[in-house]
């Protein structure tokens, strides 16, 4: 994995946001958006995934957190790659904890494939995180749950999805929310009318409100 984009807190650092990009993107792709909604005490980390061949895209190499074999609902998944990527995210969280930021002041976020990894990594992390912002995504390896779940029941998840998404179907977001609500106590799913596989100003305002609520100033 290449060097992540790190935006240092502009006040005393008391919280961290780790945001994971989508397939084929880089950490730079979301850094400015996250910078525009973070509080001064929040450090932002936007890592870039390793470049690898992606089955879904005819084996072309691109930044990807794990291999995507298909976008079929019942298709095969890259079990080993997903678990390995989650371990990588867990190590990033652990580094922040070692640096003095408690787990409940660390928030995971991500878009599309990055959002999928953020959900999976949070569910399989033993400590309670501040929350998860999951944009236009799904729950990987959903059949492994609830057995694979290691997190406390009260980790808050804010899931956003455009109702015109042609890449990750809106129904996937709805199904993911339904599964998450059986695993956790605090799951919110919000849909955005006419939004495709992207973000918009309304969604960014909602993300900012969620972050501020779950990582307030100290």
N, C-alpha and C. Protein backbone atom coordinates (compact mmCIF):
# COMPACT_ATOMS: atom_id res chain seq x y z
N UNK A 1 0.84 -1.19 0.00
CA UNK A 1 0.00 0.00 0.00
C UNK A 1 0.87 1.24 0.00
N UNK A 2 0.53 2.22 -0.83
CA UNK A 2 1.29 3.45 -0.90
C UNK A 2 1.05 4.32 0.31
N UNK A 3 1.76 5.43 0.36
CA UNK A 3 1.60 6.34 1.49
C UNK A 3 0.20 6.96 1.47
N UNK A 4 -0.48 6.96 2.61
CA UNK A 4 -1.82 7.56 2.65
C UNK A 4 -1.75 9.08 2.64
N UNK A 5 -2.83 9.69 2.21
CA UNK A 5 -2.97 11.13 2.36
C UNK A 5 -3.36 11.38 3.82
N UNK A 6 -2.58 12.15 4.53
CA UNK A 6 -2.84 12.46 5.94
C UNK A 6 -3.03 13.96 6.10
N UNK A 7 -4.19 14.35 6.60
CA UNK A 7 -4.48 15.75 6.87
C UNK A 7 -4.46 15.94 8.38
N UNK A 8 -3.42 16.58 8.85
CA UNK A 8 -3.25 16.75 10.30
C UNK A 8 -4.36 17.63 10.87
N UNK A 9 -4.71 17.36 12.12
CA UNK A 9 -5.68 18.21 12.81
C UNK A 9 -5.10 19.62 12.90
N UNK A 10 -5.98 20.61 12.82
CA UNK A 10 -5.52 22.00 12.90
C UNK A 10 -5.64 22.56 14.32
N UNK A 11 -6.24 21.77 15.21
CA UNK A 11 -6.26 22.07 16.64
C UNK A 11 -5.69 20.84 17.35
N UNK A 12 -5.81 20.77 18.66
CA UNK A 12 -5.32 19.59 19.37
C UNK A 12 -6.01 18.34 18.83
N UNK A 13 -5.22 17.35 18.43
CA UNK A 13 -5.73 16.13 17.80
C UNK A 13 -6.38 15.22 18.84
N UNK A 14 -7.71 15.08 18.77
CA UNK A 14 -8.42 14.21 19.73
C UNK A 14 -9.31 13.17 19.04
N UNK A 15 -9.33 13.17 17.70
CA UNK A 15 -10.16 12.20 16.98
C UNK A 15 -9.58 11.98 15.59
N UNK A 16 -9.89 10.82 15.01
CA UNK A 16 -9.35 10.47 13.68
C UNK A 16 -10.44 9.89 12.80
N UNK A 17 -10.46 10.33 11.55
CA UNK A 17 -11.35 9.78 10.52
C UNK A 17 -10.50 9.07 9.48
N UNK A 18 -10.77 7.79 9.28
CA UNK A 18 -10.10 7.01 8.24
C UNK A 18 -11.12 6.75 7.15
N UNK A 19 -10.85 7.25 5.93
CA UNK A 19 -11.82 7.12 4.84
C UNK A 19 -11.21 6.35 3.67
N UNK A 20 -11.97 5.35 3.18
CA UNK A 20 -11.47 4.42 2.18
C UNK A 20 -12.15 4.67 0.82
N UNK A 21 -11.35 4.86 -0.20
CA UNK A 21 -11.85 5.18 -1.54
C UNK A 21 -12.48 3.96 -2.22
N UNK A 22 -13.12 4.23 -3.35
CA UNK A 22 -13.73 3.17 -4.14
C UNK A 22 -12.76 2.57 -5.15
N UNK A 23 -13.21 1.56 -5.86
CA UNK A 23 -12.40 0.84 -6.85
C UNK A 23 -11.81 1.79 -7.89
N UNK A 24 -10.50 1.67 -8.11
CA UNK A 24 -9.83 2.46 -9.14
C UNK A 24 -9.48 3.87 -8.75
N UNK A 25 -9.83 4.27 -7.55
CA UNK A 25 -9.55 5.63 -7.08
C UNK A 25 -8.28 5.62 -6.23
N UNK A 26 -7.97 6.72 -5.59
CA UNK A 26 -6.85 6.81 -4.66
C UNK A 26 -7.30 7.60 -3.43
N UNK A 27 -6.46 7.64 -2.42
CA UNK A 27 -6.78 8.41 -1.23
C UNK A 27 -7.00 9.88 -1.52
N UNK A 28 -6.31 10.37 -2.56
CA UNK A 28 -6.45 11.78 -2.91
C UNK A 28 -7.87 12.11 -3.37
N UNK A 29 -8.56 11.10 -3.91
CA UNK A 29 -9.88 11.32 -4.48
C UNK A 29 -10.92 11.83 -3.49
N UNK A 30 -10.78 11.45 -2.22
CA UNK A 30 -11.75 11.86 -1.20
C UNK A 30 -11.18 12.80 -0.15
N UNK A 31 -9.88 13.06 -0.20
CA UNK A 31 -9.23 13.84 0.86
C UNK A 31 -9.83 15.24 0.99
N UNK A 32 -10.05 15.92 -0.13
CA UNK A 32 -10.55 17.29 -0.06
C UNK A 32 -11.98 17.33 0.48
N UNK A 33 -12.79 16.36 0.06
CA UNK A 33 -14.18 16.31 0.55
C UNK A 33 -14.20 16.09 2.07
N UNK A 34 -13.37 15.20 2.56
CA UNK A 34 -13.33 14.95 4.00
C UNK A 34 -12.76 16.15 4.75
N UNK A 35 -11.79 16.81 4.15
CA UNK A 35 -11.20 17.99 4.76
C UNK A 35 -12.23 19.09 4.94
N UNK A 36 -13.19 19.16 4.01
CA UNK A 36 -14.18 20.24 4.03
C UNK A 36 -15.25 20.05 5.11
N UNK A 37 -15.37 18.84 5.64
CA UNK A 37 -16.43 18.59 6.63
C UNK A 37 -15.90 18.21 8.01
N UNK A 38 -14.59 18.12 8.17
CA UNK A 38 -14.06 17.69 9.47
C UNK A 38 -13.92 18.87 10.43
N UNK A 39 -13.98 18.54 11.71
CA UNK A 39 -13.73 19.55 12.75
C UNK A 39 -12.22 19.76 12.90
N UNK A 40 -11.79 20.87 13.47
CA UNK A 40 -10.36 21.17 13.58
C UNK A 40 -9.55 20.13 14.36
N UNK A 41 -10.22 19.43 15.30
CA UNK A 41 -9.49 18.46 16.15
C UNK A 41 -9.39 17.06 15.52
N UNK A 42 -9.94 16.90 14.31
CA UNK A 42 -9.97 15.60 13.65
C UNK A 42 -8.84 15.48 12.63
N UNK A 43 -8.06 14.42 12.77
CA UNK A 43 -7.08 14.07 11.74
C UNK A 43 -7.77 13.18 10.71
N UNK A 44 -7.49 13.40 9.44
CA UNK A 44 -8.07 12.59 8.36
C UNK A 44 -6.96 11.75 7.72
N UNK A 45 -7.25 10.47 7.56
CA UNK A 45 -6.33 9.56 6.87
C UNK A 45 -7.08 8.95 5.69
N UNK A 46 -6.57 9.14 4.48
CA UNK A 46 -7.16 8.58 3.27
C UNK A 46 -6.12 7.68 2.59
N UNK A 47 -6.10 6.40 2.94
CA UNK A 47 -5.11 5.50 2.34
C UNK A 47 -5.46 5.17 0.89
N UNK A 48 -4.48 4.69 0.15
CA UNK A 48 -4.70 4.21 -1.22
C UNK A 48 -4.46 2.70 -1.24
N UNK A 49 -5.39 1.98 -1.83
CA UNK A 49 -5.28 0.52 -1.90
C UNK A 49 -4.14 0.11 -2.82
N UNK A 50 -3.66 -1.11 -2.62
CA UNK A 50 -2.67 -1.68 -3.53
C UNK A 50 -3.26 -1.81 -4.93
N UNK A 51 -2.41 -1.72 -5.94
CA UNK A 51 -2.83 -1.95 -7.31
C UNK A 51 -2.79 -3.45 -7.59
N UNK A 52 -3.89 -3.96 -8.12
CA UNK A 52 -3.98 -5.40 -8.38
C UNK A 52 -4.89 -5.67 -9.56
N UNK A 53 -4.78 -6.86 -10.17
CA UNK A 53 -5.73 -7.21 -11.23
C UNK A 53 -7.12 -7.40 -10.63
N UNK A 54 -8.14 -6.87 -11.30
CA UNK A 54 -9.52 -6.98 -10.82
C UNK A 54 -10.32 -7.81 -11.81
N UNK A 55 -10.81 -8.95 -11.35
CA UNK A 55 -11.53 -9.88 -12.22
C UNK A 55 -12.70 -9.22 -12.92
N UNK A 56 -13.46 -8.41 -12.16
CA UNK A 56 -14.65 -7.76 -12.72
C UNK A 56 -14.32 -6.87 -13.91
N UNK A 57 -13.11 -6.30 -13.90
CA UNK A 57 -12.68 -5.41 -14.98
C UNK A 57 -11.68 -6.10 -15.90
N UNK A 58 -11.97 -7.35 -16.22
CA UNK A 58 -11.19 -8.14 -17.19
C UNK A 58 -9.72 -8.28 -16.81
N UNK A 59 -9.45 -8.24 -15.50
CA UNK A 59 -8.08 -8.44 -15.04
C UNK A 59 -7.19 -7.21 -15.12
N UNK A 60 -7.75 -6.06 -15.52
CA UNK A 60 -6.95 -4.83 -15.54
C UNK A 60 -6.51 -4.48 -14.12
N UNK A 61 -5.30 -3.95 -14.02
CA UNK A 61 -4.75 -3.60 -12.71
C UNK A 61 -5.19 -2.19 -12.32
N UNK A 62 -5.60 -2.05 -11.08
CA UNK A 62 -6.04 -0.76 -10.57
C UNK A 62 -6.04 -0.81 -9.04
N UNK A 63 -6.06 0.35 -8.37
CA UNK A 63 -6.15 0.31 -6.91
C UNK A 63 -7.45 -0.38 -6.47
N UNK A 64 -7.32 -1.39 -5.64
CA UNK A 64 -8.48 -2.16 -5.20
C UNK A 64 -8.18 -2.77 -3.83
N UNK A 65 -9.13 -2.67 -2.93
CA UNK A 65 -8.93 -3.21 -1.58
C UNK A 65 -8.93 -4.74 -1.57
N UNK A 66 -9.67 -5.32 -2.51
CA UNK A 66 -9.72 -6.78 -2.68
C UNK A 66 -10.25 -7.04 -4.08
N UNK A 67 -10.13 -8.26 -4.53
CA UNK A 67 -10.62 -8.56 -5.88
C UNK A 67 -12.14 -8.56 -5.91
N UNK A 68 -12.70 -7.99 -6.94
CA UNK A 68 -14.14 -8.06 -7.18
C UNK A 68 -14.36 -9.03 -8.34
N UNK A 69 -14.99 -10.15 -8.03
CA UNK A 69 -15.16 -11.18 -9.04
C UNK A 69 -16.41 -10.96 -9.88
N UNK A 70 -17.45 -10.40 -9.28
CA UNK A 70 -18.71 -10.18 -9.97
C UNK A 70 -19.55 -9.18 -9.18
N UNK A 71 -20.54 -8.61 -9.81
CA UNK A 71 -21.51 -7.78 -9.08
C UNK A 71 -22.86 -8.49 -8.99
N UNK A 72 -22.81 -9.80 -9.15
CA UNK A 72 -24.02 -10.60 -8.96
C UNK A 72 -24.23 -10.84 -7.47
N UNK A 73 -25.47 -10.77 -7.05
CA UNK A 73 -25.79 -10.86 -5.62
C UNK A 73 -25.29 -12.15 -4.98
N UNK A 74 -25.37 -13.26 -5.71
CA UNK A 74 -24.99 -14.55 -5.14
C UNK A 74 -23.64 -15.04 -5.68
N UNK A 75 -22.89 -14.14 -6.30
CA UNK A 75 -21.62 -14.52 -6.92
C UNK A 75 -20.51 -14.76 -5.90
N UNK A 76 -19.39 -15.34 -6.36
CA UNK A 76 -18.26 -15.62 -5.47
C UNK A 76 -17.58 -14.34 -4.99
N UNK A 77 -17.00 -14.40 -3.80
CA UNK A 77 -16.30 -13.25 -3.24
C UNK A 77 -14.86 -13.62 -2.91
N UNK A 78 -14.03 -12.61 -2.81
CA UNK A 78 -12.61 -12.78 -2.50
C UNK A 78 -12.43 -12.85 -0.98
N UNK A 79 -12.79 -13.99 -0.42
CA UNK A 79 -12.76 -14.15 1.04
C UNK A 79 -11.42 -13.75 1.64
N UNK A 80 -10.34 -14.32 1.11
CA UNK A 80 -9.02 -14.06 1.66
C UNK A 80 -8.63 -12.60 1.53
N UNK A 81 -8.93 -12.01 0.36
CA UNK A 81 -8.58 -10.62 0.12
C UNK A 81 -9.34 -9.67 1.03
N UNK A 82 -10.63 -9.95 1.26
CA UNK A 82 -11.45 -9.10 2.12
C UNK A 82 -10.93 -9.15 3.56
N UNK A 83 -10.64 -10.35 4.03
CA UNK A 83 -10.14 -10.50 5.40
C UNK A 83 -8.77 -9.86 5.57
N UNK A 84 -7.92 -10.00 4.56
CA UNK A 84 -6.59 -9.39 4.60
C UNK A 84 -6.69 -7.87 4.62
N UNK A 85 -7.60 -7.32 3.81
CA UNK A 85 -7.78 -5.86 3.78
C UNK A 85 -8.30 -5.36 5.13
N UNK A 86 -9.21 -6.11 5.74
CA UNK A 86 -9.74 -5.71 7.05
C UNK A 86 -8.63 -5.70 8.10
N UNK A 87 -7.72 -6.68 8.03
CA UNK A 87 -6.59 -6.72 8.96
C UNK A 87 -5.71 -5.48 8.79
N UNK A 88 -5.55 -5.05 7.54
CA UNK A 88 -4.78 -3.85 7.26
C UNK A 88 -5.43 -2.62 7.89
N UNK A 89 -6.75 -2.50 7.77
CA UNK A 89 -7.47 -1.38 8.37
C UNK A 89 -7.40 -1.45 9.89
N UNK A 90 -7.51 -2.66 10.44
CA UNK A 90 -7.38 -2.82 11.89
C UNK A 90 -6.02 -2.33 12.37
N UNK A 91 -4.97 -2.58 11.59
CA UNK A 91 -3.63 -2.13 12.00
C UNK A 91 -3.53 -0.61 11.97
N UNK A 92 -4.25 0.03 11.03
CA UNK A 92 -4.27 1.49 10.99
C UNK A 92 -4.99 2.05 12.23
N UNK A 93 -6.08 1.40 12.60
CA UNK A 93 -6.80 1.80 13.81
C UNK A 93 -5.91 1.63 15.04
N UNK A 94 -5.23 0.49 15.10
CA UNK A 94 -4.34 0.21 16.23
C UNK A 94 -3.23 1.25 16.34
N UNK A 95 -2.72 1.70 15.19
CA UNK A 95 -1.67 2.72 15.21
C UNK A 95 -2.19 4.02 15.83
N UNK A 96 -3.43 4.37 15.51
CA UNK A 96 -4.02 5.58 16.09
C UNK A 96 -4.22 5.42 17.60
N UNK A 97 -4.65 4.22 18.02
CA UNK A 97 -4.84 3.95 19.45
C UNK A 97 -3.50 4.05 20.19
N UNK A 98 -2.47 3.47 19.58
CA UNK A 98 -1.13 3.55 20.19
C UNK A 98 -0.66 5.00 20.28
N UNK A 99 -1.14 5.85 19.36
CA UNK A 99 -0.77 7.25 19.36
C UNK A 99 -1.57 8.09 20.34
N UNK A 100 -2.49 7.44 21.06
CA UNK A 100 -3.22 8.14 22.11
C UNK A 100 -4.67 8.47 21.80
N UNK A 101 -5.17 8.05 20.64
CA UNK A 101 -6.57 8.31 20.29
C UNK A 101 -7.38 7.05 20.62
N UNK A 102 -8.33 7.11 21.55
CA UNK A 102 -9.10 5.91 21.90
C UNK A 102 -9.98 5.45 20.75
N UNK A 103 -10.30 4.17 20.73
CA UNK A 103 -11.09 3.59 19.65
C UNK A 103 -12.41 4.33 19.44
N UNK A 104 -13.04 4.76 20.54
CA UNK A 104 -14.34 5.42 20.40
C UNK A 104 -14.23 6.85 19.85
N UNK A 105 -12.99 7.27 19.54
CA UNK A 105 -12.76 8.57 18.88
C UNK A 105 -12.18 8.37 17.48
N UNK A 106 -12.35 7.16 16.94
CA UNK A 106 -11.87 6.84 15.59
C UNK A 106 -13.08 6.41 14.76
N UNK A 107 -13.29 7.09 13.64
CA UNK A 107 -14.44 6.80 12.80
C UNK A 107 -13.97 6.29 11.44
N UNK A 108 -14.59 5.22 10.97
CA UNK A 108 -14.27 4.64 9.66
C UNK A 108 -15.30 5.09 8.65
N UNK A 109 -14.85 5.38 7.45
CA UNK A 109 -15.78 5.71 6.38
C UNK A 109 -15.28 5.16 5.06
N UNK A 110 -16.16 5.12 4.08
CA UNK A 110 -15.73 4.66 2.77
C UNK A 110 -16.83 4.75 1.75
N UNK A 111 -16.41 4.77 0.47
CA UNK A 111 -17.33 4.85 -0.66
C UNK A 111 -17.21 3.58 -1.49
N UNK A 112 -18.35 2.99 -1.85
CA UNK A 112 -18.41 1.83 -2.74
C UNK A 112 -17.59 0.67 -2.14
N UNK A 113 -16.58 0.20 -2.85
CA UNK A 113 -15.78 -0.90 -2.31
C UNK A 113 -15.14 -0.50 -0.98
N UNK A 114 -14.73 0.77 -0.85
CA UNK A 114 -14.16 1.24 0.40
C UNK A 114 -15.18 1.25 1.53
N UNK A 115 -16.44 1.58 1.21
CA UNK A 115 -17.50 1.53 2.21
C UNK A 115 -17.78 0.11 2.66
N UNK A 116 -17.74 -0.81 1.69
CA UNK A 116 -17.93 -2.22 2.02
C UNK A 116 -16.86 -2.69 3.00
N UNK A 117 -15.60 -2.32 2.73
CA UNK A 117 -14.51 -2.69 3.61
C UNK A 117 -14.65 -2.02 4.97
N UNK A 118 -15.09 -0.76 5.00
CA UNK A 118 -15.26 -0.05 6.28
C UNK A 118 -16.27 -0.78 7.17
N UNK A 119 -17.39 -1.21 6.58
CA UNK A 119 -18.39 -1.94 7.37
C UNK A 119 -17.80 -3.24 7.89
N UNK A 120 -17.18 -4.00 7.01
CA UNK A 120 -16.64 -5.31 7.40
C UNK A 120 -15.56 -5.14 8.47
N UNK A 121 -14.67 -4.16 8.28
CA UNK A 121 -13.59 -3.94 9.25
C UNK A 121 -14.13 -3.54 10.61
N UNK A 122 -15.17 -2.70 10.63
CA UNK A 122 -15.75 -2.28 11.91
C UNK A 122 -16.43 -3.45 12.62
N UNK A 123 -17.15 -4.26 11.87
CA UNK A 123 -17.86 -5.39 12.47
C UNK A 123 -16.90 -6.43 13.04
N UNK A 124 -15.71 -6.53 12.46
CA UNK A 124 -14.75 -7.55 12.89
C UNK A 124 -13.67 -6.99 13.80
N UNK A 125 -13.84 -5.74 14.26
CA UNK A 125 -12.90 -5.12 15.20
C UNK A 125 -13.48 -5.27 16.60
N UNK A 126 -12.65 -5.65 17.56
CA UNK A 126 -13.18 -6.01 18.88
C UNK A 126 -13.61 -4.82 19.73
N UNK A 127 -13.09 -3.62 19.43
CA UNK A 127 -13.44 -2.46 20.24
C UNK A 127 -14.52 -1.62 19.55
N UNK A 128 -15.20 -0.81 20.34
CA UNK A 128 -16.22 0.07 19.79
C UNK A 128 -15.57 1.28 19.13
N UNK A 129 -15.85 1.48 17.87
CA UNK A 129 -15.39 2.67 17.16
C UNK A 129 -16.42 3.79 17.30
N UNK A 130 -16.03 5.00 16.92
CA UNK A 130 -16.96 6.13 16.99
C UNK A 130 -18.14 5.92 16.05
N UNK A 131 -17.91 5.22 14.95
CA UNK A 131 -18.97 4.95 14.00
C UNK A 131 -18.43 4.61 12.64
N UNK A 132 -19.36 4.38 11.72
CA UNK A 132 -19.01 4.05 10.34
C UNK A 132 -19.90 4.86 9.40
N UNK A 133 -19.29 5.50 8.41
CA UNK A 133 -20.01 6.17 7.33
C UNK A 133 -19.85 5.30 6.09
N UNK A 134 -20.93 4.71 5.62
CA UNK A 134 -20.87 3.74 4.52
C UNK A 134 -21.66 4.27 3.33
N UNK A 135 -20.96 4.64 2.27
CA UNK A 135 -21.60 5.29 1.13
C UNK A 135 -21.69 4.37 -0.08
N UNK A 136 -22.89 4.20 -0.61
CA UNK A 136 -23.10 3.48 -1.88
C UNK A 136 -22.40 2.12 -1.87
N UNK A 137 -22.69 1.32 -0.86
CA UNK A 137 -21.91 0.09 -0.70
C UNK A 137 -22.76 -1.09 -0.25
N UNK A 138 -22.10 -2.11 0.24
CA UNK A 138 -22.75 -3.36 0.64
C UNK A 138 -21.93 -4.02 1.73
N UNK A 139 -22.47 -5.09 2.32
CA UNK A 139 -21.74 -5.85 3.35
C UNK A 139 -21.08 -7.06 2.69
N UNK A 140 -19.74 -7.10 2.65
CA UNK A 140 -19.06 -8.27 2.09
C UNK A 140 -19.19 -9.48 3.01
N UNK A 141 -19.11 -10.65 2.43
CA UNK A 141 -19.13 -11.91 3.19
C UNK A 141 -20.28 -11.94 4.19
N UNK A 142 -21.45 -11.49 3.76
CA UNK A 142 -22.58 -11.35 4.69
C UNK A 142 -23.00 -12.69 5.30
N UNK A 143 -22.73 -13.79 4.59
CA UNK A 143 -23.12 -15.11 5.11
C UNK A 143 -22.28 -15.52 6.31
N UNK A 144 -21.15 -14.83 6.52
CA UNK A 144 -20.29 -15.13 7.68
C UNK A 144 -20.84 -14.54 8.98
N UNK A 145 -21.85 -13.69 8.86
CA UNK A 145 -22.42 -13.05 10.04
C UNK A 145 -23.72 -13.74 10.44
N UNK A 146 -24.03 -13.77 11.73
CA UNK A 146 -23.39 -13.02 12.84
C UNK A 146 -22.13 -13.66 13.42
N UNK A 147 -21.75 -14.85 12.95
CA UNK A 147 -20.62 -15.55 13.57
C UNK A 147 -19.32 -14.73 13.54
N UNK A 148 -19.10 -13.97 12.46
CA UNK A 148 -17.84 -13.22 12.31
C UNK A 148 -17.82 -11.91 13.10
N UNK A 149 -18.95 -11.50 13.64
CA UNK A 149 -19.05 -10.21 14.33
C UNK A 149 -18.28 -10.23 15.64
N UNK A 150 -17.44 -9.21 15.83
CA UNK A 150 -16.63 -9.10 17.05
C UNK A 150 -16.86 -7.78 17.78
N UNK A 151 -17.50 -6.83 17.11
CA UNK A 151 -17.65 -5.49 17.69
C UNK A 151 -18.81 -5.46 18.68
N UNK A 152 -18.83 -4.46 19.58
CA UNK A 152 -19.99 -4.25 20.45
C UNK A 152 -21.24 -3.93 19.65
N UNK A 153 -22.40 -4.16 20.26
CA UNK A 153 -23.67 -3.98 19.56
C UNK A 153 -24.02 -2.52 19.29
N UNK A 154 -23.35 -1.58 19.96
CA UNK A 154 -23.76 -0.18 19.87
C UNK A 154 -22.88 0.68 18.96
N UNK A 155 -22.11 0.05 18.06
CA UNK A 155 -21.35 0.83 17.08
C UNK A 155 -22.34 1.46 16.10
N UNK A 156 -22.36 2.79 15.98
CA UNK A 156 -23.33 3.44 15.07
C UNK A 156 -22.87 3.37 13.61
N UNK A 157 -23.80 3.07 12.73
CA UNK A 157 -23.51 3.04 11.29
C UNK A 157 -24.49 3.96 10.57
N UNK A 158 -23.94 4.83 9.74
CA UNK A 158 -24.75 5.70 8.89
C UNK A 158 -24.50 5.29 7.45
N UNK A 159 -25.54 4.71 6.85
CA UNK A 159 -25.43 4.16 5.50
C UNK A 159 -26.19 5.06 4.53
N UNK A 160 -25.54 5.47 3.45
CA UNK A 160 -26.14 6.35 2.45
C UNK A 160 -26.13 5.67 1.09
N UNK A 161 -27.21 5.86 0.31
CA UNK A 161 -27.25 5.23 -1.01
C UNK A 161 -28.17 6.02 -1.93
N UNK A 162 -27.70 6.28 -3.15
CA UNK A 162 -28.54 6.91 -4.16
C UNK A 162 -29.54 5.92 -4.73
N UNK A 163 -30.77 6.36 -4.94
CA UNK A 163 -31.79 5.43 -5.41
C UNK A 163 -31.74 5.19 -6.92
N UNK A 164 -30.77 5.83 -7.60
CA UNK A 164 -30.57 5.59 -9.03
C UNK A 164 -29.16 5.05 -9.31
N UNK A 165 -28.57 4.39 -8.34
CA UNK A 165 -27.19 3.88 -8.47
C UNK A 165 -27.15 2.75 -9.50
N UNK A 166 -26.42 2.92 -10.62
CA UNK A 166 -26.35 1.88 -11.63
C UNK A 166 -25.20 0.89 -11.41
N UNK A 167 -24.36 1.15 -10.41
CA UNK A 167 -23.17 0.31 -10.17
C UNK A 167 -23.39 -0.65 -9.00
N UNK A 168 -23.65 -0.09 -7.83
CA UNK A 168 -24.03 -0.90 -6.67
C UNK A 168 -25.53 -0.69 -6.48
N UNK A 169 -26.35 -1.65 -6.86
CA UNK A 169 -27.80 -1.45 -6.88
C UNK A 169 -28.35 -0.97 -5.54
N UNK A 170 -29.32 -0.07 -5.63
CA UNK A 170 -29.97 0.47 -4.43
C UNK A 170 -30.48 -0.64 -3.52
N UNK A 171 -31.00 -1.71 -4.12
CA UNK A 171 -31.53 -2.82 -3.31
C UNK A 171 -30.44 -3.48 -2.48
N UNK A 172 -29.18 -3.42 -2.97
CA UNK A 172 -28.08 -3.96 -2.17
C UNK A 172 -27.91 -3.15 -0.89
N UNK A 173 -28.03 -1.83 -1.03
CA UNK A 173 -27.95 -0.98 0.16
C UNK A 173 -29.07 -1.29 1.13
N UNK A 174 -30.29 -1.46 0.61
CA UNK A 174 -31.43 -1.78 1.47
C UNK A 174 -31.23 -3.13 2.16
N UNK A 175 -30.77 -4.12 1.41
CA UNK A 175 -30.54 -5.45 1.99
C UNK A 175 -29.45 -5.41 3.05
N UNK A 176 -28.40 -4.63 2.77
CA UNK A 176 -27.31 -4.49 3.74
C UNK A 176 -27.82 -3.86 5.03
N UNK A 177 -28.62 -2.83 4.90
CA UNK A 177 -29.18 -2.17 6.09
C UNK A 177 -30.02 -3.16 6.90
N UNK A 178 -30.79 -3.98 6.22
CA UNK A 178 -31.62 -4.97 6.91
C UNK A 178 -30.77 -5.95 7.70
N UNK A 179 -29.67 -6.40 7.10
CA UNK A 179 -28.77 -7.32 7.80
C UNK A 179 -28.10 -6.63 8.98
N UNK A 180 -27.61 -5.40 8.75
CA UNK A 180 -26.92 -4.68 9.81
C UNK A 180 -27.82 -4.43 11.02
N UNK A 181 -29.10 -4.20 10.75
CA UNK A 181 -30.04 -3.95 11.85
C UNK A 181 -30.29 -5.19 12.70
N UNK A 182 -29.96 -6.36 12.19
CA UNK A 182 -30.05 -7.58 13.01
C UNK A 182 -28.79 -7.77 13.85
N UNK A 183 -27.72 -7.03 13.50
CA UNK A 183 -26.43 -7.19 14.18
C UNK A 183 -26.14 -6.07 15.17
N UNK A 184 -26.68 -4.87 14.90
CA UNK A 184 -26.34 -3.69 15.68
C UNK A 184 -27.59 -2.91 16.07
N UNK A 185 -27.46 -2.12 17.13
CA UNK A 185 -28.60 -1.37 17.66
C UNK A 185 -28.80 -0.02 16.98
N UNK A 186 -27.74 0.51 16.38
CA UNK A 186 -27.79 1.90 15.91
C UNK A 186 -27.38 1.98 14.44
N UNK A 187 -28.30 1.63 13.56
CA UNK A 187 -28.04 1.65 12.12
C UNK A 187 -29.07 2.57 11.45
N UNK A 188 -28.57 3.55 10.70
CA UNK A 188 -29.45 4.44 9.95
C UNK A 188 -29.16 4.31 8.46
N UNK A 189 -30.20 4.12 7.68
CA UNK A 189 -30.07 4.04 6.22
C UNK A 189 -30.81 5.22 5.61
N UNK A 190 -30.10 6.01 4.82
CA UNK A 190 -30.75 7.15 4.18
C UNK A 190 -30.55 7.07 2.67
N UNK A 191 -31.64 7.24 1.93
CA UNK A 191 -31.55 7.21 0.48
C UNK A 191 -31.61 8.64 -0.06
N UNK A 192 -31.02 8.81 -1.24
CA UNK A 192 -30.93 10.13 -1.87
C UNK A 192 -31.56 10.05 -3.26
N UNK A 193 -32.61 10.81 -3.45
CA UNK A 193 -33.39 10.74 -4.68
C UNK A 193 -32.58 11.20 -5.89
N UNK A 194 -32.62 10.38 -6.92
CA UNK A 194 -31.99 10.66 -8.22
C UNK A 194 -30.46 10.62 -8.18
N UNK A 195 -29.87 10.28 -7.03
CA UNK A 195 -28.41 10.20 -6.94
C UNK A 195 -27.92 8.88 -7.54
N UNK A 196 -26.89 8.98 -8.38
CA UNK A 196 -26.32 7.78 -8.99
C UNK A 196 -25.16 7.29 -8.13
N UNK A 197 -24.12 6.71 -8.73
CA UNK A 197 -23.01 6.16 -7.94
C UNK A 197 -22.01 7.27 -7.63
N UNK A 198 -22.42 8.16 -6.76
CA UNK A 198 -21.61 9.33 -6.42
C UNK A 198 -22.13 9.92 -5.12
N UNK A 199 -21.66 11.12 -4.81
CA UNK A 199 -22.11 11.82 -3.62
C UNK A 199 -22.70 13.17 -4.05
N UNK A 200 -23.37 13.82 -3.11
CA UNK A 200 -23.88 15.18 -3.40
C UNK A 200 -23.82 16.02 -2.13
N UNK A 201 -24.19 17.28 -2.24
CA UNK A 201 -24.06 18.21 -1.11
C UNK A 201 -24.92 17.79 0.07
N UNK A 202 -26.13 17.31 -0.20
CA UNK A 202 -27.00 16.89 0.89
C UNK A 202 -26.37 15.73 1.68
N UNK A 203 -25.82 14.77 0.96
CA UNK A 203 -25.18 13.63 1.61
C UNK A 203 -23.98 14.09 2.44
N UNK A 204 -23.17 15.01 1.90
CA UNK A 204 -22.00 15.48 2.65
C UNK A 204 -22.41 16.22 3.91
N UNK A 205 -23.51 16.97 3.85
CA UNK A 205 -24.00 17.64 5.07
C UNK A 205 -24.44 16.62 6.11
N UNK A 206 -25.07 15.55 5.66
CA UNK A 206 -25.52 14.50 6.58
C UNK A 206 -24.33 13.77 7.21
N UNK A 207 -23.31 13.53 6.40
CA UNK A 207 -22.10 12.88 6.92
C UNK A 207 -21.45 13.76 7.98
N UNK A 208 -21.36 15.05 7.69
CA UNK A 208 -20.76 15.98 8.66
C UNK A 208 -21.53 15.96 9.97
N UNK A 209 -22.85 15.95 9.91
CA UNK A 209 -23.67 15.92 11.12
C UNK A 209 -23.44 14.63 11.90
N UNK A 210 -23.32 13.50 11.19
CA UNK A 210 -23.08 12.21 11.85
C UNK A 210 -21.72 12.20 12.54
N UNK A 211 -20.71 12.71 11.85
CA UNK A 211 -19.36 12.76 12.44
C UNK A 211 -19.34 13.66 13.68
N UNK A 212 -19.96 14.83 13.58
CA UNK A 212 -19.98 15.74 14.71
C UNK A 212 -20.72 15.17 15.90
N UNK A 213 -21.79 14.43 15.63
CA UNK A 213 -22.58 13.82 16.70
C UNK A 213 -21.79 12.74 17.43
N UNK A 214 -21.05 11.94 16.67
CA UNK A 214 -20.37 10.77 17.25
C UNK A 214 -18.92 11.03 17.63
N UNK A 215 -18.36 12.16 17.17
CA UNK A 215 -17.02 12.58 17.62
C UNK A 215 -17.08 14.05 18.00
N UNK A 216 -17.83 14.38 19.07
CA UNK A 216 -17.95 15.79 19.47
C UNK A 216 -16.63 16.32 20.02
N UNK A 217 -16.55 17.63 20.11
CA UNK A 217 -15.33 18.24 20.67
C UNK A 217 -15.21 17.87 22.14
N UNK A 218 -13.99 17.86 22.61
CA UNK A 218 -13.73 17.50 24.01
C UNK A 218 -13.15 18.69 24.77
